C-alpha atoms as a PDB file:
ATOM      1  CA  MET A   1     104.597 107.987 100.366  1.00  0.00           C
ATOM      2  CA  GLY A   2     104.830 111.662 100.906  1.00  0.00           C
ATOM      3  CA  LEU A   3     101.907 114.013 100.661  1.00  0.00           C
ATOM      4  CA  ALA A   4     102.938 115.603  97.357  1.00  0.00           C
ATOM      5  CA  MET A   5     103.367 112.214  95.670  1.00  0.00           C
ATOM      6  CA  ALA A   6     100.068 110.930  97.075  1.00  0.00           C
ATOM      7  CA  GLN A   7      98.260 114.067  95.897  1.00  0.00           C
ATOM      8  CA  ASN A   8      99.687 113.610  92.387  1.00  0.00           C
ATOM      9  CA  ILE A   9      98.585 109.974  92.288  1.00  0.00           C
ATOM     10  CA  GLN A  10      95.088 110.838  93.543  1.00  0.00           C
ATOM     11  CA  THR A  11      94.769 113.638  90.972  1.00  0.00           C
ATOM     12  CA  PHE A  12      95.767 111.213  88.202  1.00  0.00           C
ATOM     13  CA  LEU A  13      93.344 108.528  89.406  1.00  0.00           C
ATOM     14  CA  GLN A  14      90.484 110.993  89.652  1.00  0.00           C
ATOM     15  CA  ARG A  15      91.197 112.560  86.244  1.00  0.00           C
ATOM     16  CA  ASP A  16      91.253 109.142  84.549  1.00  0.00           C
ATOM     17  CA  LYS A  17      88.176 107.947  86.503  1.00  0.00           C
ATOM     18  CA  LYS A  18      90.106 105.150  88.201  1.00  0.00           C
ATOM     19  CA  SER A  19      89.584 103.693  91.663  1.00  0.00           C
ATOM     20  CA  GLN A  20      90.418 106.305  94.289  1.00  0.00           C
ATOM     21  CA  LEU A  21      93.640 106.248  96.282  1.00  0.00           C
ATOM     22  CA  ARG A  22      93.352 104.556  99.646  1.00  0.00           C
ATOM     23  CA  PHE A  23      95.712 105.501 102.434  1.00  0.00           C
ATOM     24  CA  TRP A  24      96.544 104.926 106.074  1.00  0.00           C
ATOM     25  CA  ASN A  25      98.664 107.080 108.347  1.00  0.00           C
ATOM     26  CA  ARG A  26      99.511 106.668 112.024  1.00  0.00           C
ATOM     27  CA  THR A  27      98.458 110.315 112.392  1.00  0.00           C
ATOM     28  CA  ALA A  28      95.008 110.357 110.791  1.00  0.00           C
ATOM     29  CA  SER A  29      94.867 114.143 110.464  1.00  0.00           C
ATOM     30  CA  ARG A  30      97.734 114.052 107.975  1.00  0.00           C
ATOM     31  CA  GLY A  31      95.371 112.477 105.459  1.00  0.00           C
ATOM     32  CA  ALA A  32      92.960 115.428 105.427  1.00  0.00           C
ATOM     33  CA  PRO A  33      94.472 117.004 102.268  1.00  0.00           C
ATOM     34  CA  LEU A  34      94.083 113.673 100.465  1.00  0.00           C
ATOM     35  CA  GLU A  35      90.479 113.292 101.571  1.00  0.00           C
ATOM     36  CA  LEU A  36      89.758 116.749 100.155  1.00  0.00           C
ATOM     37  CA  LEU A  37      90.935 115.401  96.788  1.00  0.00           C
ATOM     38  CA  GLY A  38      88.678 112.333  97.075  1.00  0.00           C
ATOM     39  CA  ALA A  39      91.117 109.773  98.471  1.00  0.00           C
ATOM     40  CA  ILE A  40      89.748 107.232 100.930  1.00  0.00           C
ATOM     41  CA  GLU A  41      91.238 106.800 104.405  1.00  0.00           C
ATOM     42  CA  CYS A  42      91.566 103.215 105.653  1.00  0.00           C
ATOM     43  CA  GLU A  43      91.108 102.645 109.368  1.00  0.00           C
ATOM     44  CA  SER A  44      93.970 100.135 109.566  1.00  0.00           C
ATOM     45  CA  ILE A  45      96.877  98.718 107.631  1.00  0.00           C
ATOM     46  CA  ALA A  46      94.959  95.446 107.405  1.00  0.00           C
ATOM     47  CA  GLN A  47      92.027  97.204 105.681  1.00  0.00           C
ATOM     48  CA  LEU A  48      94.442  98.863 103.275  1.00  0.00           C
ATOM     49  CA  VAL A  49      96.032  95.521 102.377  1.00  0.00           C
ATOM     50  CA  ILE A  50      92.674  93.878 101.809  1.00  0.00           C
ATOM     51  CA  GLU A  51      91.395  96.684  99.567  1.00  0.00           C
ATOM     52  CA  CYS A  52      94.526  97.338  97.464  1.00  0.00           C
ATOM     53  CA  ASP A  53      96.534  95.477  94.849  1.00  0.00           C
ATOM     54  CA  LEU A  54      99.503  97.850  94.962  1.00  0.00           C
ATOM     55  CA  ILE A  55     100.872  99.424  98.141  1.00  0.00           C
ATOM     56  CA  PHE A  56     103.525 102.109  98.589  1.00  0.00           C
ATOM     57  CA  ILE A  57     105.192 102.503 101.965  1.00  0.00           C
ATOM     58  CA  SER A  58     107.121 105.665 102.709  1.00  0.00           C
ATOM     59  CA  VAL A  59     108.806 106.139 106.061  1.00  0.00           C
ATOM     60  CA  SER A  60     111.550 108.442 107.273  1.00  0.00           C
ATOM     61  CA  ILE A  61     113.542 105.620 108.875  1.00  0.00           C
ATOM     62  CA  SER A  62     113.239 101.827 108.529  1.00  0.00           C
ATOM     63  CA  ILE A  63     112.206 101.259 112.133  1.00  0.00           C
ATOM     64  CA  ASP A  64     109.000 103.241 111.507  1.00  0.00           C
ATOM     65  CA  MET A  65     107.785 100.473 109.214  1.00  0.00           C
ATOM     66  CA  TYR A  66     107.905  98.016 112.103  1.00  0.00           C
ATOM     67  CA  SER A  67     106.379 100.334 114.675  1.00  0.00           C
ATOM     68  CA  THR A  68     102.812  99.082 114.445  1.00  0.00           C
ATOM     69  CA  GLU A  69     101.544  95.830 115.859  1.00  0.00           C
ATOM     70  CA  THR A  70      99.329  95.420 112.797  1.00  0.00           C
ATOM     71  CA  PHE A  71     102.390  95.060 110.575  1.00  0.00           C
ATOM     72  CA  TYR A  72     103.400  91.842 112.319  1.00  0.00           C
ATOM     73  CA  ARG A  73      99.934  90.451 112.943  1.00  0.00           C
ATOM     74  CA  SER A  74      98.377  90.846 109.491  1.00  0.00           C
ATOM     75  CA  PRO A  75      98.736  87.566 107.546  1.00  0.00           C
ATOM     76  CA  GLN A  76      98.689  89.470 104.254  1.00  0.00           C
ATOM     77  CA  ILE A  77     101.778  91.539 105.069  1.00  0.00           C
ATOM     78  CA  TYR A  78     105.309  90.203 104.822  1.00  0.00           C
ATOM     79  CA  ASN A  79     107.238  90.966 107.981  1.00  0.00           C
ATOM     80  CA  GLU A  80     110.690  90.650 106.441  1.00  0.00           C
ATOM     81  CA  PRO A  81     112.494  93.530 104.699  1.00  0.00           C
ATOM     82  CA  LEU A  82     112.479  93.276 100.924  1.00  0.00           C
ATOM     83  CA  SER A  83     115.926  92.852  99.424  1.00  0.00           C
ATOM     84  CA  LEU A  84     116.375  94.598  96.086  1.00  0.00           C
ATOM     85  CA  THR A  85     119.763  93.016  95.381  1.00  0.00           C
END
């Protein structure tokens, strides 16, 4: 979702004493700035789906969304692109 956006969401959640942001990234070290703000890293996409009611996915190109085996194997995740039309 982009680090700046995720940091803003985490700051809002923390300020309003809401449940902390949970995140997953293929490169775990990229989540370090979020963890410093109190966000919680999930070990897998499946864990993220189980623990969250609302999920944002931000990728640079569409193929990145399909680049993990977990995306196709998790029964809670739709494996078809969402059409907004």
